[in-house]
Amino acid sequence: MHYVDAKGILTGSGGHYGMNIYRGCSHGCIYCDSRSKCYQFKHPFEDIEVKQNAPELLEAALRSKRKRGMIGTGAMSDPYMHCEEELGLTRKCLEIILKYGFGASIITKSDRILRDIDLLDEINRETKCVVQVTLTTYDDRLCRIIEPNVCNTMRRIEVLSKMRERGIPTLVWLCPILPFINDTEDNIRKILDECIRVGAKGIMCFGMGLTLRDGDREYYYAALDKHFPGLKEKYISIYGNAYELPSPNADKLMSIFMRTCRENNMLCTPDECFTYLHELPDKYEQMSIFALSQYL
């Protein structure tokens, strides 16, 4: 872990913003896209870069914005990885989001988010907060292999359930689906059943498969050699150096996914999910400039 003073923290415009408080990750997921060379890491991926001035940068940015909106975090690096327990930068940023009347959406695989459930609840009551949790496999034994340094699937489902108890809406990221590993009908159905049980608002799915770029491909293949001997050679034979690696079961699994979501009134296309994530509730959009002036 090393510390930097970042020049900026917020990206985006028009009421939809993003931030990454950390760069790199300690979860060790074998399929991680953020390892790709295209992101130009200048340090080892596990040597977490901490933007120590993130709260100050965020406060300065939000103080100057007259249009409120949703602020997302976790797209590149999980805001609740191990170092957050000690540093608390994510919580400080959430406090600032609440202070200035913005909404929040968070992507995580970690149950550390429960530490901040009081704050998430308050943001959701004032504006809107959406908690997004990645679920890839119902099998906790397999979870320990493909996502080794983070809480298991059953614990993440508990997180979703606890958010529901507070009335905090949730989305599930059902990705990636790894060919010949977790691309089974049994796995998909069991995850969908849990999403229904915990009342997920929607499920983000970009197809049944995964993508590999230079950088993450090498890491993924090394993990296949370690945990699934012979599978790397099968991948190379079928996919070569392709970016998109669809499961041979993709059509059947997507049909099950779409039908189950529609039958249970869950958002199930990326467009539907992103539209929901980016919008603020009508009651907030209608607030007067006078009501907002206390934050300016």
Protein backbone atom coordinates (compact mmCIF):
# COMPACT_ATOMS: atom_id res chain seq x y z
CA MET A 1 0.00 0.00 0.00
CA HIS A 2 1.28 3.46 -0.85
CA TYR A 3 -0.18 6.96 -0.59
CA VAL A 4 -0.58 9.69 -3.20
CA ASP A 5 -2.10 13.14 -3.34
CA ALA A 6 -4.44 12.95 -6.30
CA LYS A 7 -5.17 15.93 -8.54
CA GLY A 8 -8.85 15.07 -8.84
CA ILE A 9 -11.35 12.48 -7.62
CA LEU A 10 -14.61 13.01 -9.50
CA THR A 11 -15.31 12.17 -13.15
CA GLY A 12 -18.44 12.57 -15.24
CA SER A 13 -21.03 15.31 -15.68
CA GLY A 14 -24.73 16.01 -16.03
CA GLY A 15 -25.75 14.45 -12.74
CA HIS A 16 -23.83 11.18 -13.14
CA TYR A 17 -20.42 11.01 -11.52
CA GLY A 18 -17.83 8.40 -10.63
CA MET A 19 -14.87 8.17 -8.28
CA ASN A 20 -12.17 5.69 -7.35
CA ILE A 21 -10.60 6.21 -3.95
CA TYR A 22 -8.13 3.35 -4.44
CA ARG A 23 -6.24 1.89 -7.41
CA GLY A 24 -5.40 -1.80 -7.39
CA CYS A 25 -7.06 -4.47 -5.29
CA SER A 26 -6.30 -7.13 -2.69
CA HIS A 27 -9.23 -9.47 -3.44
CA GLY A 28 -7.22 -11.62 -5.86
CA CYS A 29 -10.14 -12.53 -8.16
CA ILE A 30 -8.68 -14.66 -10.94
CA TYR A 31 -10.71 -12.96 -13.69
CA CYS A 32 -10.13 -9.31 -12.72
CA ASP A 33 -10.36 -6.99 -15.74
CA SER A 34 -8.78 -4.10 -13.86
CA ARG A 35 -5.38 -5.79 -14.23
CA SER A 36 -5.46 -5.06 -17.95
CA LYS A 37 -2.48 -3.23 -19.43
CA CYS A 38 -4.86 -0.67 -20.91
CA TYR A 39 -5.28 0.88 -17.44
CA GLN A 40 -1.55 1.66 -17.32
CA PHE A 41 -0.71 0.67 -13.78
CA LYS A 42 2.76 1.87 -12.85
CA HIS A 43 2.89 -0.21 -9.67
CA PRO A 44 2.09 -3.83 -8.77
CA PHE A 45 -1.66 -4.38 -8.74
CA GLU A 46 -1.66 -5.61 -5.12
CA ASP A 47 0.30 -2.53 -3.98
CA ILE A 48 -2.82 -0.47 -3.40
CA GLU A 49 -2.58 3.18 -4.36
CA VAL A 50 -4.44 5.22 -1.75
CA LYS A 51 -5.71 8.64 -2.76
CA GLN A 52 -5.27 10.03 0.72
CA ASN A 53 -6.76 13.42 -0.12
CA ALA A 54 -9.92 11.93 -1.68
CA PRO A 55 -12.34 13.37 0.93
CA GLU A 56 -10.94 16.89 0.58
CA LEU A 57 -11.07 16.68 -3.23
CA LEU A 58 -14.62 15.35 -3.16
CA GLU A 59 -15.85 18.08 -0.83
CA ALA A 60 -14.33 20.78 -3.02
CA ALA A 61 -15.91 19.25 -6.12
CA LEU A 62 -19.39 18.84 -4.65
CA ARG A 63 -19.40 22.28 -3.08
CA SER A 64 -19.08 23.81 -6.54
CA LYS A 65 -21.80 21.76 -8.28
CA ARG A 66 -25.28 23.19 -8.62
CA LYS A 67 -26.74 20.06 -10.27
CA ARG A 68 -27.12 17.15 -7.89
CA GLY A 69 -26.82 13.57 -9.05
CA MET A 70 -25.62 10.06 -8.32
CA ILE A 71 -22.00 9.32 -7.45
CA GLY A 72 -20.82 5.81 -8.22
CA THR A 73 -17.78 4.04 -6.85
CA GLY A 74 -16.29 0.57 -7.16
CA ALA A 75 -16.20 0.18 -10.93
CA MET A 76 -12.42 -0.17 -11.00
CA SER A 77 -11.36 -0.91 -7.42
CA ASP A 78 -13.52 -2.19 -4.59
CA PRO A 79 -14.07 0.63 -2.06
CA TYR A 80 -14.33 -1.94 0.76
CA MET A 81 -11.15 -3.95 0.34
CA HIS A 82 -8.91 -4.69 3.32
CA CYS A 83 -7.22 -1.30 3.67
CA GLU A 84 -10.57 0.50 4.03
CA GLU A 85 -10.99 -1.13 7.43
CA GLU A 86 -8.04 0.89 8.72
CA LEU A 87 -8.27 4.02 6.57
CA GLY A 88 -12.02 4.70 6.42
CA LEU A 89 -11.75 6.88 3.31
CA THR A 90 -14.89 5.42 1.75
CA ARG A 91 -16.91 6.27 4.84
CA LYS A 92 -15.53 9.83 4.88
CA CYS A 93 -16.54 10.26 1.24
CA LEU A 94 -20.03 8.91 1.95
CA GLU A 95 -20.39 11.45 4.76
CA ILE A 96 -19.56 14.21 2.27
CA ILE A 97 -22.02 12.81 -0.28
CA LEU A 98 -24.72 12.95 2.39
CA LYS A 99 -23.71 16.46 3.47
CA TYR A 100 -24.12 17.88 -0.02
CA GLY A 101 -27.30 16.03 -0.91
CA PHE A 102 -26.01 13.67 -3.60
CA GLY A 103 -26.99 10.05 -4.13
CA ALA A 104 -24.59 7.12 -4.04
CA SER A 105 -24.18 3.80 -5.82
CA ILE A 106 -21.53 1.34 -4.66
CA ILE A 107 -20.17 -1.84 -6.22
CA THR A 108 -18.50 -4.29 -3.83
CA LYS A 109 -17.85 -7.94 -3.04
CA SER A 110 -17.09 -7.22 0.61
CA ASP A 111 -19.20 -7.47 3.75
CA ARG A 112 -17.20 -4.53 5.14
CA ILE A 113 -19.91 -2.38 3.61
CA LEU A 114 -22.10 -3.36 6.57
CA ARG A 115 -19.94 -1.11 8.75
CA ASP A 116 -21.50 1.84 6.93
CA ILE A 117 -25.09 0.62 6.68
CA ASP A 118 -26.27 3.41 8.97
CA LEU A 119 -24.80 6.00 6.63
CA LEU A 120 -26.10 4.25 3.50
CA ASP A 121 -29.55 4.17 5.08
CA GLU A 122 -29.42 7.89 5.77
CA ILE A 123 -28.30 8.70 2.21
CA ASN A 124 -31.11 6.55 0.85
CA ARG A 125 -33.70 8.32 2.99
CA GLU A 126 -32.43 11.75 1.97
CA THR A 127 -31.79 11.07 -1.73
CA LYS A 128 -30.97 7.57 -3.03
CA CYS A 129 -28.44 4.85 -2.35
CA VAL A 130 -28.00 1.66 -4.36
CA VAL A 131 -25.75 -1.16 -3.16
CA GLN A 132 -24.43 -3.43 -5.91
CA VAL A 133 -22.94 -6.82 -5.08
CA THR A 134 -21.14 -9.22 -7.42
CA LEU A 135 -22.25 -12.86 -7.35
CA THR A 136 -20.53 -15.30 -9.68
CA THR A 137 -20.95 -18.74 -8.11
CA TYR A 138 -23.32 -20.28 -5.61
CA ASP A 139 -20.65 -22.84 -4.66
CA ASP A 140 -18.60 -21.44 -1.79
CA ARG A 141 -15.82 -23.94 -2.43
CA LEU A 142 -15.46 -22.59 -5.97
CA CYS A 143 -15.81 -19.03 -4.68
CA ARG A 144 -12.70 -19.51 -2.51
CA ILE A 145 -10.76 -20.43 -5.66
CA ILE A 146 -11.89 -17.74 -8.06
CA GLU A 147 -12.35 -14.93 -5.47
CA PRO A 148 -9.88 -16.00 -2.78
CA ASN A 149 -9.42 -12.94 -0.56
CA VAL A 150 -12.98 -11.72 -0.12
CA CYS A 151 -16.06 -12.93 1.74
CA ASN A 152 -17.90 -15.87 0.21
CA THR A 153 -21.13 -15.90 -1.74
CA MET A 154 -23.36 -16.81 1.20
CA ARG A 155 -22.04 -13.85 3.17
CA ARG A 156 -22.65 -11.50 0.24
CA ILE A 157 -26.22 -12.75 0.05
CA GLU A 158 -26.53 -11.88 3.75
CA VAL A 159 -25.35 -8.37 2.87
CA LEU A 160 -28.09 -8.09 0.24
CA SER A 161 -30.65 -9.30 2.78
CA LYS A 162 -29.55 -6.77 5.41
CA MET A 163 -29.79 -3.96 2.86
CA ARG A 164 -33.32 -5.05 2.06
CA GLU A 165 -34.23 -4.91 5.75
CA ARG A 166 -33.21 -1.23 5.70
CA GLY A 167 -35.08 -0.52 2.48
CA ILE A 168 -31.84 0.13 0.59
CA PRO A 169 -32.23 -1.02 -3.04
CA THR A 170 -29.74 -3.52 -4.42
CA LEU A 171 -28.45 -4.69 -7.79
CA VAL A 172 -26.51 -7.89 -8.40
CA TRP A 173 -23.69 -8.17 -10.94
CA LEU A 174 -23.94 -11.64 -12.43
CA CYS A 175 -20.56 -11.60 -14.11
CA PRO A 176 -18.28 -12.93 -15.22
CA ILE A 177 -19.50 -16.40 -16.08
CA LEU A 178 -16.38 -18.48 -16.71
CA PRO A 179 -16.62 -21.10 -19.47
CA PHE A 180 -16.37 -24.65 -18.12
CA ILE A 181 -16.17 -23.38 -14.51
CA ASN A 182 -19.36 -21.67 -13.31
CA ASP A 183 -21.42 -21.69 -16.54
CA THR A 184 -23.96 -24.27 -15.42
CA GLU A 185 -27.73 -24.08 -15.32
CA ASP A 186 -27.69 -25.14 -11.67
CA ASN A 187 -25.38 -22.28 -10.72
CA ILE A 188 -27.35 -19.62 -12.58
CA ARG A 189 -30.70 -20.81 -11.24
CA LYS A 190 -29.47 -20.88 -7.64
CA ILE A 191 -28.08 -17.35 -7.86
CA LEU A 192 -31.30 -16.11 -9.47
CA ASP A 193 -33.35 -17.76 -6.74
CA GLU A 194 -31.34 -15.90 -4.10
CA CYS A 195 -31.73 -12.61 -5.96
CA ILE A 196 -35.49 -13.12 -5.91
CA ARG A 197 -35.48 -14.08 -2.23
CA VAL A 198 -33.55 -10.98 -1.13
CA GLY A 199 -35.60 -8.67 -3.34
CA ALA A 200 -32.88 -7.41 -5.67
CA LYS A 201 -34.09 -4.53 -7.83
CA GLY A 202 -32.22 -5.87 -10.83
CA ILE A 203 -29.35 -7.97 -12.13
CA MET A 204 -26.53 -6.63 -14.28
CA CYS A 205 -25.49 -9.19 -16.88
CA PHE A 206 -23.48 -8.59 -20.04
CA GLY A 207 -23.89 -12.11 -21.40
CA MET A 208 -22.77 -15.50 -20.20
CA GLY A 209 -19.01 -15.44 -20.57
CA LEU A 210 -16.00 -13.28 -19.77
CA THR A 211 -13.61 -10.90 -21.46
CA LEU A 212 -9.83 -11.08 -21.43
CA ARG A 213 -7.37 -8.33 -22.27
CA ASP A 214 -3.59 -8.33 -22.22
CA GLY A 215 -2.55 -8.29 -18.59
CA ASP A 216 -5.58 -9.99 -17.11
CA ARG A 217 -5.35 -12.88 -19.61
CA GLU A 218 -1.94 -13.91 -18.29
CA TYR A 219 -3.11 -13.74 -14.68
CA TYR A 220 -6.25 -15.74 -15.45
CA TYR A 221 -4.38 -18.43 -17.35
CA ALA A 222 -1.86 -18.82 -14.52
CA ALA A 223 -4.80 -19.39 -12.17
CA LEU A 224 -6.26 -21.99 -14.55
CA ASP A 225 -2.95 -23.85 -14.57
CA LYS A 226 -2.91 -23.83 -10.78
CA HIS A 227 -6.53 -24.76 -10.05
CA PHE A 228 -7.92 -26.31 -13.24
CA PRO A 229 -5.09 -28.23 -14.95
CA GLY A 230 -5.56 -28.58 -18.71
CA LEU A 231 -8.29 -25.94 -18.95
CA LYS A 232 -5.98 -23.22 -20.27
CA GLU A 233 -5.15 -25.36 -23.30
CA LYS A 234 -8.88 -25.88 -23.91
CA TYR A 235 -9.44 -22.12 -23.79
CA ILE A 236 -6.63 -21.45 -26.25
CA SER A 237 -7.94 -24.12 -28.60
CA ILE A 238 -11.48 -22.72 -28.58
CA TYR A 239 -10.96 -18.96 -28.17
CA GLY A 240 -7.40 -18.20 -29.25
CA ASN A 241 -6.62 -14.61 -28.17
CA ALA A 242 -10.23 -13.40 -28.46
CA TYR A 243 -11.41 -10.58 -26.25
CA GLU A 244 -14.87 -12.08 -25.74
CA LEU A 245 -15.11 -15.67 -24.48
CA PRO A 246 -18.75 -16.74 -24.48
CA SER A 247 -19.80 -19.88 -22.67
CA PRO A 248 -20.86 -22.76 -24.93
CA ASN A 249 -24.06 -22.66 -22.84
CA ALA A 250 -24.58 -18.92 -23.34
CA ASP A 251 -27.87 -19.00 -25.27
CA LYS A 252 -29.57 -21.40 -22.88
CA LEU A 253 -28.32 -19.58 -19.78
CA MET A 254 -29.33 -16.16 -21.11
CA SER A 255 -32.79 -17.48 -21.89
CA ILE A 256 -33.15 -18.73 -18.31
CA PHE A 257 -31.81 -15.43 -16.99
CA MET A 258 -34.10 -13.18 -19.03
CA ARG A 259 -37.22 -15.25 -18.44
CA THR A 260 -36.63 -15.47 -14.68
CA CYS A 261 -35.99 -11.74 -14.34
CA ARG A 262 -39.06 -10.78 -16.37
CA GLU A 263 -41.28 -13.16 -14.43
CA ASN A 264 -40.10 -11.57 -11.18
CA ASN A 265 -40.13 -7.92 -12.30
CA MET A 266 -36.37 -7.45 -11.96
CA LEU A 267 -34.37 -5.12 -14.17
CA CYS A 268 -32.29 -7.34 -16.41
CA THR A 269 -30.65 -5.42 -19.24
CA PRO A 270 -27.61 -3.17 -18.78
CA ASP A 271 -29.60 -0.20 -20.15
CA GLU A 272 -32.38 -0.74 -17.61
CA CYS A 273 -29.92 -1.14 -14.75
CA PHE A 274 -27.77 1.87 -15.65
CA THR A 275 -30.84 4.07 -16.16
CA TYR A 276 -32.02 3.15 -12.68
CA LEU A 277 -28.57 3.74 -11.17
CA HIS A 278 -28.23 7.18 -12.70
CA GLU A 279 -31.63 8.65 -11.88
CA LEU A 280 -32.57 10.51 -8.72
CA PRO A 281 -36.12 10.21 -7.36
CA ASP A 282 -38.66 12.81 -8.48
CA LYS A 283 -39.06 14.25 -5.00
CA TYR A 284 -35.41 15.26 -5.03
CA GLU A 285 -35.33 16.61 -8.56
CA GLN A 286 -38.22 18.89 -7.59
CA MET A 287 -36.40 20.45 -4.63
CA SER A 288 -36.12 24.21 -4.93
CA ILE A 289 -32.92 26.11 -5.43
CA PHE A 290 -33.65 27.72 -2.07
CA ALA A 291 -33.69 24.32 -0.38
CA LEU A 292 -30.39 23.43 -1.96
CA SER A 293 -28.74 26.75 -1.17
CA GLN A 294 -27.72 25.58 2.30
CA TYR A 295 -25.12 23.35 0.65
CA LEU A 296 -23.63 26.00 -1.67
